[in-house]
Amino acid sequence: MSDDSRILDDEALDTLFREARTYSGWQDRPVSGVLIQALYDLMKWGPTSANCSPMRLIFVESQGAKERLKPHLMEGNVEQTMTAPSTAIIANDKKFYEHMPRLFPHTHAKAWFEGKQGMIDDTAMRNGSLQGAYLMIAARALGLDCGPMSGFNKKGVATEFFPDEDIEINFLCNIGYGDPANLHERGPRFEFDEICKIL
């Protein structure tokens, strides 16, 4: 039997999902460093396989950092990124397993990955993507809006921001207070019976 006391109210569900949108325009309001740290401190509790936690983050906020990012963006993503208060570079550490003795200490999980590049790649991408989604949900829970995007040179961003690390860039996510004036009509979604089965 479910515990109804744990169900979020409709306002919270609207904030996280039903009314949440992907923003490309931003209000001229800064996002404080305290709020960015609170965002991380919330999202870090989302589960990953064997607690592997492969995501690595850089929050691009200063004008100098934005100028470093700008040449690697597709033209259509430049303005929204340059005007966003913060842009999260969401990357996956391909050496995440080196931290397994600390993060998953009750067994020798590091050995599961050493020398197994396919397993490393799959685990990093799957779990890093999960963490990127947790980041967006945490941002919305803290009153922020998100603009996740592809449309950039992954190798260029990796070289510019992670030059000495074995990193693969996953996606970028602009973060701030969205300007609804730039929103398009919301796209449709599949109904349950169209894409789901209960067996």
C-alpha atoms as a PDB file:
ATOM      1  CA  MET A   1       0.000   0.000   0.000  1.00  0.00           C
ATOM      2  CA  SER A   2       1.369   3.415  -0.919  1.00  0.00           C
ATOM      3  CA  ASP A   3       1.996   6.093   1.675  1.00  0.00           C
ATOM      4  CA  ASP A   4      -0.023   9.056   0.381  1.00  0.00           C
ATOM      5  CA  SER A   5       1.758  11.391   2.784  1.00  0.00           C
ATOM      6  CA  ARG A   6       4.857  11.108   0.585  1.00  0.00           C
ATOM      7  CA  ILE A   7       3.140  12.267  -2.613  1.00  0.00           C
ATOM      8  CA  LEU A   8       4.118  15.789  -3.641  1.00  0.00           C
ATOM      9  CA  ASP A   9       1.299  18.274  -4.049  1.00  0.00           C
ATOM     10  CA  ASP A  10       0.167  19.449  -7.483  1.00  0.00           C
ATOM     11  CA  GLU A  11       2.099  22.713  -7.241  1.00  0.00           C
ATOM     12  CA  ALA A  12       5.367  20.832  -6.717  1.00  0.00           C
ATOM     13  CA  LEU A  13       4.603  18.385  -9.523  1.00  0.00           C
ATOM     14  CA  ASP A  14       3.815  21.293 -11.851  1.00  0.00           C
ATOM     15  CA  THR A  15       7.144  22.925 -10.943  1.00  0.00           C
ATOM     16  CA  LEU A  16       9.173  19.790 -11.575  1.00  0.00           C
ATOM     17  CA  PHE A  17       7.360  18.390 -14.603  1.00  0.00           C
ATOM     18  CA  ARG A  18       3.965  19.534 -15.904  1.00  0.00           C
ATOM     19  CA  GLU A  19       4.673  23.257 -16.192  1.00  0.00           C
ATOM     20  CA  ALA A  20       8.459  23.063 -16.530  1.00  0.00           C
ATOM     21  CA  ARG A  21       9.757  24.243 -19.890  1.00  0.00           C
ATOM     22  CA  THR A  22      13.018  24.421 -21.822  1.00  0.00           C
ATOM     23  CA  TYR A  23      14.063  28.077 -21.861  1.00  0.00           C
ATOM     24  CA  SER A  24      16.165  29.881 -24.444  1.00  0.00           C
ATOM     25  CA  GLY A  25      15.633  33.407 -23.103  1.00  0.00           C
ATOM     26  CA  TRP A  26      16.587  34.680 -19.675  1.00  0.00           C
ATOM     27  CA  GLN A  27      15.625  37.378 -17.223  1.00  0.00           C
ATOM     28  CA  ASP A  28      18.416  39.706 -16.158  1.00  0.00           C
ATOM     29  CA  ARG A  29      18.699  38.091 -12.723  1.00  0.00           C
ATOM     30  CA  PRO A  30      21.905  36.524 -11.391  1.00  0.00           C
ATOM     31  CA  VAL A  31      22.115  33.076  -9.853  1.00  0.00           C
ATOM     32  CA  SER A  32      24.201  33.186  -6.695  1.00  0.00           C
ATOM     33  CA  GLY A  33      27.097  30.879  -6.012  1.00  0.00           C
ATOM     34  CA  VAL A  34      25.288  29.769  -2.857  1.00  0.00           C
ATOM     35  CA  LEU A  35      22.333  28.630  -4.967  1.00  0.00           C
ATOM     36  CA  ILE A  36      24.586  26.811  -7.436  1.00  0.00           C
ATOM     37  CA  GLN A  37      26.192  24.922  -4.555  1.00  0.00           C
ATOM     38  CA  ALA A  38      22.758  24.157  -3.088  1.00  0.00           C
ATOM     39  CA  LEU A  39      21.783  22.796  -6.509  1.00  0.00           C
ATOM     40  CA  TYR A  40      24.724  20.397  -6.477  1.00  0.00           C
ATOM     41  CA  ASP A  41      24.167  19.439  -2.840  1.00  0.00           C
ATOM     42  CA  LEU A  42      20.622  18.401  -3.739  1.00  0.00           C
ATOM     43  CA  MET A  43      21.270  16.561  -7.008  1.00  0.00           C
ATOM     44  CA  LYS A  44      24.224  14.543  -5.688  1.00  0.00           C
ATOM     45  CA  TRP A  45      21.849  12.241  -3.804  1.00  0.00           C
ATOM     46  CA  GLY A  46      20.337  10.837  -6.997  1.00  0.00           C
ATOM     47  CA  PRO A  47      21.288   7.177  -7.454  1.00  0.00           C
ATOM     48  CA  THR A  48      23.928   5.889  -9.849  1.00  0.00           C
ATOM     49  CA  SER A  49      25.127   2.363 -10.554  1.00  0.00           C
ATOM     50  CA  ALA A  50      27.305   1.253  -7.633  1.00  0.00           C
ATOM     51  CA  ASN A  51      27.384   4.937  -6.616  1.00  0.00           C
ATOM     52  CA  CYS A  52      29.860   5.505  -9.457  1.00  0.00           C
ATOM     53  CA  SER A  53      28.940   9.213  -9.850  1.00  0.00           C
ATOM     54  CA  PRO A  54      30.761   9.852 -13.160  1.00  0.00           C
ATOM     55  CA  MET A  55      29.392  13.350 -13.834  1.00  0.00           C
ATOM     56  CA  ARG A  56      31.798  16.294 -13.645  1.00  0.00           C
ATOM     57  CA  LEU A  57      30.535  19.872 -13.791  1.00  0.00           C
ATOM     58  CA  ILE A  58      31.813  23.270 -14.740  1.00  0.00           C
ATOM     59  CA  PHE A  59      29.466  26.232 -14.318  1.00  0.00           C
ATOM     60  CA  VAL A  60      30.378  28.854 -16.906  1.00  0.00           C
ATOM     61  CA  GLU A  61      29.393  32.278 -15.588  1.00  0.00           C
ATOM     62  CA  SER A  62      32.123  34.908 -15.995  1.00  0.00           C
ATOM     63  CA  GLN A  63      32.407  36.839 -19.238  1.00  0.00           C
ATOM     64  CA  GLY A  64      35.871  35.402 -19.789  1.00  0.00           C
ATOM     65  CA  ALA A  65      34.615  31.827 -19.415  1.00  0.00           C
ATOM     66  CA  LYS A  66      31.678  32.534 -21.719  1.00  0.00           C
ATOM     67  CA  GLU A  67      34.061  33.816 -24.391  1.00  0.00           C
ATOM     68  CA  ARG A  68      36.012  30.564 -24.109  1.00  0.00           C
ATOM     69  CA  LEU A  69      32.813  28.570 -24.629  1.00  0.00           C
ATOM     70  CA  LYS A  70      31.365  30.715 -27.410  1.00  0.00           C
ATOM     71  CA  PRO A  71      33.535  29.472 -30.337  1.00  0.00           C
ATOM     72  CA  HIS A  72      32.392  25.900 -29.683  1.00  0.00           C
ATOM     73  CA  LEU A  73      28.654  26.649 -29.865  1.00  0.00           C
ATOM     74  CA  MET A  74      26.455  26.276 -32.908  1.00  0.00           C
ATOM     75  CA  GLU A  75      25.212  29.673 -34.075  1.00  0.00           C
ATOM     76  CA  GLY A  76      21.673  29.057 -32.864  1.00  0.00           C
ATOM     77  CA  ASN A  77      22.857  28.441 -29.302  1.00  0.00           C
ATOM     78  CA  VAL A  78      25.159  31.451 -28.925  1.00  0.00           C
ATOM     79  CA  GLU A  79      22.745  34.155 -27.768  1.00  0.00           C
ATOM     80  CA  GLN A  80      20.861  32.013 -25.269  1.00  0.00           C
ATOM     81  CA  THR A  81      24.123  30.809 -23.749  1.00  0.00           C
ATOM     82  CA  MET A  82      25.837  34.182 -23.631  1.00  0.00           C
ATOM     83  CA  THR A  83      22.823  35.700 -21.846  1.00  0.00           C
ATOM     84  CA  ALA A  84      22.207  32.832 -19.408  1.00  0.00           C
ATOM     85  CA  PRO A  85      23.361  33.512 -15.841  1.00  0.00           C
ATOM     86  CA  SER A  86      25.037  30.098 -15.695  1.00  0.00           C
ATOM     87  CA  THR A  87      25.821  27.343 -18.194  1.00  0.00           C
ATOM     88  CA  ALA A  88      26.569  23.906 -16.805  1.00  0.00           C
ATOM     89  CA  ILE A  89      29.013  21.826 -18.821  1.00  0.00           C
ATOM     90  CA  ILE A  90      27.883  18.317 -17.980  1.00  0.00           C
ATOM     91  CA  ALA A  91      30.701  15.878 -18.583  1.00  0.00           C
ATOM     92  CA  ASN A  92      31.510  12.252 -17.820  1.00  0.00           C
ATOM     93  CA  ASP A  93      34.793  11.218 -16.222  1.00  0.00           C
ATOM     94  CA  LYS A  94      36.076   8.160 -18.076  1.00  0.00           C
ATOM     95  CA  LYS A  95      38.255   7.336 -15.054  1.00  0.00           C
ATOM     96  CA  PHE A  96      35.335   7.407 -12.619  1.00  0.00           C
ATOM     97  CA  TYR A  97      36.184   3.897 -11.430  1.00  0.00           C
ATOM     98  CA  GLU A  98      39.372   5.172  -9.791  1.00  0.00           C
ATOM     99  CA  HIS A  99      37.112   6.618  -7.084  1.00  0.00           C
ATOM    100  CA  MET A 100      35.187   3.392  -6.459  1.00  0.00           C
ATOM    101  CA  PRO A 101      37.200   2.439  -3.323  1.00  0.00           C
ATOM    102  CA  ARG A 102      35.863   5.622  -1.714  1.00  0.00           C
ATOM    103  CA  LEU A 103      32.362   5.662  -3.208  1.00  0.00           C
ATOM    104  CA  PHE A 104      31.567   1.921  -3.039  1.00  0.00           C
ATOM    105  CA  PRO A 105      33.939   0.652  -0.335  1.00  0.00           C
ATOM    106  CA  HIS A 106      32.273  -2.620   0.657  1.00  0.00           C
ATOM    107  CA  THR A 107      33.572  -4.469  -2.416  1.00  0.00           C
ATOM    108  CA  HIS A 108      36.392  -4.162  -4.950  1.00  0.00           C
ATOM    109  CA  ALA A 109      34.206  -2.487  -7.593  1.00  0.00           C
ATOM    110  CA  LYS A 110      37.161  -0.813  -9.309  1.00  0.00           C
ATOM    111  CA  ALA A 111      38.093  -4.211 -10.735  1.00  0.00           C
ATOM    112  CA  TRP A 112      34.742  -4.402 -12.518  1.00  0.00           C
ATOM    113  CA  PHE A 113      35.887  -1.656 -14.879  1.00  0.00           C
ATOM    114  CA  GLU A 114      39.666  -1.756 -15.223  1.00  0.00           C
ATOM    115  CA  GLY A 115      40.626  -2.646 -18.789  1.00  0.00           C
ATOM    116  CA  LYS A 116      36.988  -2.899 -19.933  1.00  0.00           C
ATOM    117  CA  GLN A 117      36.535   0.179 -22.108  1.00  0.00           C
ATOM    118  CA  GLY A 118      33.096  -0.746 -23.401  1.00  0.00           C
ATOM    119  CA  MET A 119      31.755  -1.159 -19.892  1.00  0.00           C
ATOM    120  CA  ILE A 120      33.444   2.080 -18.807  1.00  0.00           C
ATOM    121  CA  ASP A 121      31.905   4.018 -21.697  1.00  0.00           C
ATOM    122  CA  ASP A 122      28.417   2.591 -21.215  1.00  0.00           C
ATOM    123  CA  THR A 123      28.429   3.104 -17.456  1.00  0.00           C
ATOM    124  CA  ALA A 124      29.757   6.654 -17.681  1.00  0.00           C
ATOM    125  CA  MET A 125      27.229   7.739 -20.310  1.00  0.00           C
ATOM    126  CA  ARG A 126      24.223   6.076 -18.683  1.00  0.00           C
ATOM    127  CA  ASN A 127      24.916   7.290 -15.181  1.00  0.00           C
ATOM    128  CA  GLY A 128      26.255  10.697 -16.187  1.00  0.00           C
ATOM    129  CA  SER A 129      23.042  11.282 -18.142  1.00  0.00           C
ATOM    130  CA  LEU A 130      21.001  10.295 -15.102  1.00  0.00           C
ATOM    131  CA  GLN A 131      22.963  12.806 -13.044  1.00  0.00           C
ATOM    132  CA  GLY A 132      22.359  15.493 -15.652  1.00  0.00           C
ATOM    133  CA  ALA A 133      18.617  14.858 -15.325  1.00  0.00           C
ATOM    134  CA  TYR A 134      18.875  15.022 -11.534  1.00  0.00           C
ATOM    135  CA  LEU A 135      20.626  18.372 -11.947  1.00  0.00           C
ATOM    136  CA  MET A 136      17.705  19.760 -13.938  1.00  0.00           C
ATOM    137  CA  ILE A 137      15.106  18.478 -11.477  1.00  0.00           C
ATOM    138  CA  ALA A 138      17.085  19.922  -8.569  1.00  0.00           C
ATOM    139  CA  ALA A 139      17.342  23.270 -10.373  1.00  0.00           C
ATOM    140  CA  ARG A 140      13.589  23.383 -10.886  1.00  0.00           C
ATOM    141  CA  ALA A 141      13.015  22.406  -7.239  1.00  0.00           C
ATOM    142  CA  LEU A 142      15.102  25.431  -6.231  1.00  0.00           C
ATOM    143  CA  GLY A 143      13.088  27.832  -8.381  1.00  0.00           C
ATOM    144  CA  LEU A 144      15.425  27.902 -11.366  1.00  0.00           C
ATOM    145  CA  ASP A 145      14.735  27.209 -15.031  1.00  0.00           C
ATOM    146  CA  CYS A 146      16.793  25.118 -17.436  1.00  0.00           C
ATOM    147  CA  GLY A 147      17.736  25.159 -21.090  1.00  0.00           C
ATOM    148  CA  PRO A 148      19.437  21.824 -21.885  1.00  0.00           C
ATOM    149  CA  MET A 149      21.022  21.619 -25.314  1.00  0.00           C
ATOM    150  CA  SER A 150      23.167  19.818 -27.781  1.00  0.00           C
ATOM    151  CA  GLY A 151      24.522  21.815 -30.678  1.00  0.00           C
ATOM    152  CA  PHE A 152      28.155  22.351 -29.759  1.00  0.00           C
ATOM    153  CA  ASN A 153      31.581  20.916 -30.507  1.00  0.00           C
ATOM    154  CA  LYS A 154      32.129  18.272 -27.835  1.00  0.00           C
ATOM    155  CA  LYS A 155      35.845  17.860 -28.494  1.00  0.00           C
ATOM    156  CA  GLY A 156      36.393  21.600 -28.516  1.00  0.00           C
ATOM    157  CA  VAL A 157      34.631  22.054 -25.175  1.00  0.00           C
ATOM    158  CA  ALA A 158      36.531  19.139 -23.642  1.00  0.00           C
ATOM    159  CA  THR A 159      39.889  20.513 -24.804  1.00  0.00           C
ATOM    160  CA  GLU A 160      39.079  24.030 -23.608  1.00  0.00           C
ATOM    161  CA  PHE A 161      37.687  23.190 -20.174  1.00  0.00           C
ATOM    162  CA  PHE A 162      39.097  19.741 -19.298  1.00  0.00           C
ATOM    163  CA  PRO A 163      42.476  19.765 -21.079  1.00  0.00           C
ATOM    164  CA  ASP A 164      44.256  17.248 -18.847  1.00  0.00           C
ATOM    165  CA  GLU A 165      41.408  14.888 -17.974  1.00  0.00           C
ATOM    166  CA  ASP A 166      39.877  11.840 -19.640  1.00  0.00           C
ATOM    167  CA  ILE A 167      36.488  13.481 -20.052  1.00  0.00           C
ATOM    168  CA  GLU A 168      33.620  13.158 -22.518  1.00  0.00           C
ATOM    169  CA  ILE A 169      31.196  16.054 -22.725  1.00  0.00           C
ATOM    170  CA  ASN A 170      27.575  14.943 -22.431  1.00  0.00           C
ATOM    171  CA  PHE A 171      25.453  18.082 -22.858  1.00  0.00           C
ATOM    172  CA  LEU A 172      25.179  21.726 -21.853  1.00  0.00           C
ATOM    173  CA  CYS A 173      22.451  23.202 -19.700  1.00  0.00           C
ATOM    174  CA  ASN A 174      21.759  26.895 -19.327  1.00  0.00           C
ATOM    175  CA  ILE A 175      20.444  27.752 -15.868  1.00  0.00           C
ATOM    176  CA  GLY A 176      18.715  30.871 -14.608  1.00  0.00           C
ATOM    177  CA  TYR A 177      15.317  32.506 -14.454  1.00  0.00           C
ATOM    178  CA  GLY A 178      13.602  31.928 -17.768  1.00  0.00           C
ATOM    179  CA  ASP A 179      11.879  34.623 -19.789  1.00  0.00           C
ATOM    180  CA  PRO A 180       8.489  33.219 -20.848  1.00  0.00           C
ATOM    181  CA  ALA A 181       8.278  35.723 -23.697  1.00  0.00           C
ATOM    182  CA  ASN A 182      10.578  33.451 -25.726  1.00  0.00           C
ATOM    183  CA  LEU A 183       8.634  30.221 -25.207  1.00  0.00           C
ATOM    184  CA  HIS A 184       6.971  28.387 -28.089  1.00  0.00           C
ATOM    185  CA  GLU A 185       3.740  26.478 -27.714  1.00  0.00           C
ATOM    186  CA  ARG A 186       4.441  23.316 -25.774  1.00  0.00           C
ATOM    187  CA  GLY A 187       4.902  20.200 -27.865  1.00  0.00           C
ATOM    188  CA  PRO A 188       2.653  17.168 -27.448  1.00  0.00           C
ATOM    189  CA  ARG A 189       3.605  14.028 -25.553  1.00  0.00           C
ATOM    190  CA  PHE A 190       2.707  10.387 -26.124  1.00  0.00           C
ATOM    191  CA  GLU A 191      -0.181   8.926 -24.136  1.00  0.00           C
ATOM    192  CA  PHE A 192       0.526   5.984 -21.855  1.00  0.00           C
ATOM    193  CA  ASP A 193      -1.099   3.368 -24.067  1.00  0.00           C
ATOM    194  CA  GLU A 194       0.899   4.492 -27.105  1.00  0.00           C
ATOM    195  CA  ILE A 195       4.331   3.591 -25.752  1.00  0.00           C
ATOM    196  CA  CYS A 196       3.868   1.697 -22.471  1.00  0.00           C
ATOM    197  CA  LYS A 197       2.912  -1.868 -21.539  1.00  0.00           C
ATOM    198  CA  ILE A 198       2.298  -3.511 -18.205  1.00  0.00           C
ATOM    199  CA  LEU A 199       3.143  -7.211 -18.433  1.00  0.00           C
END
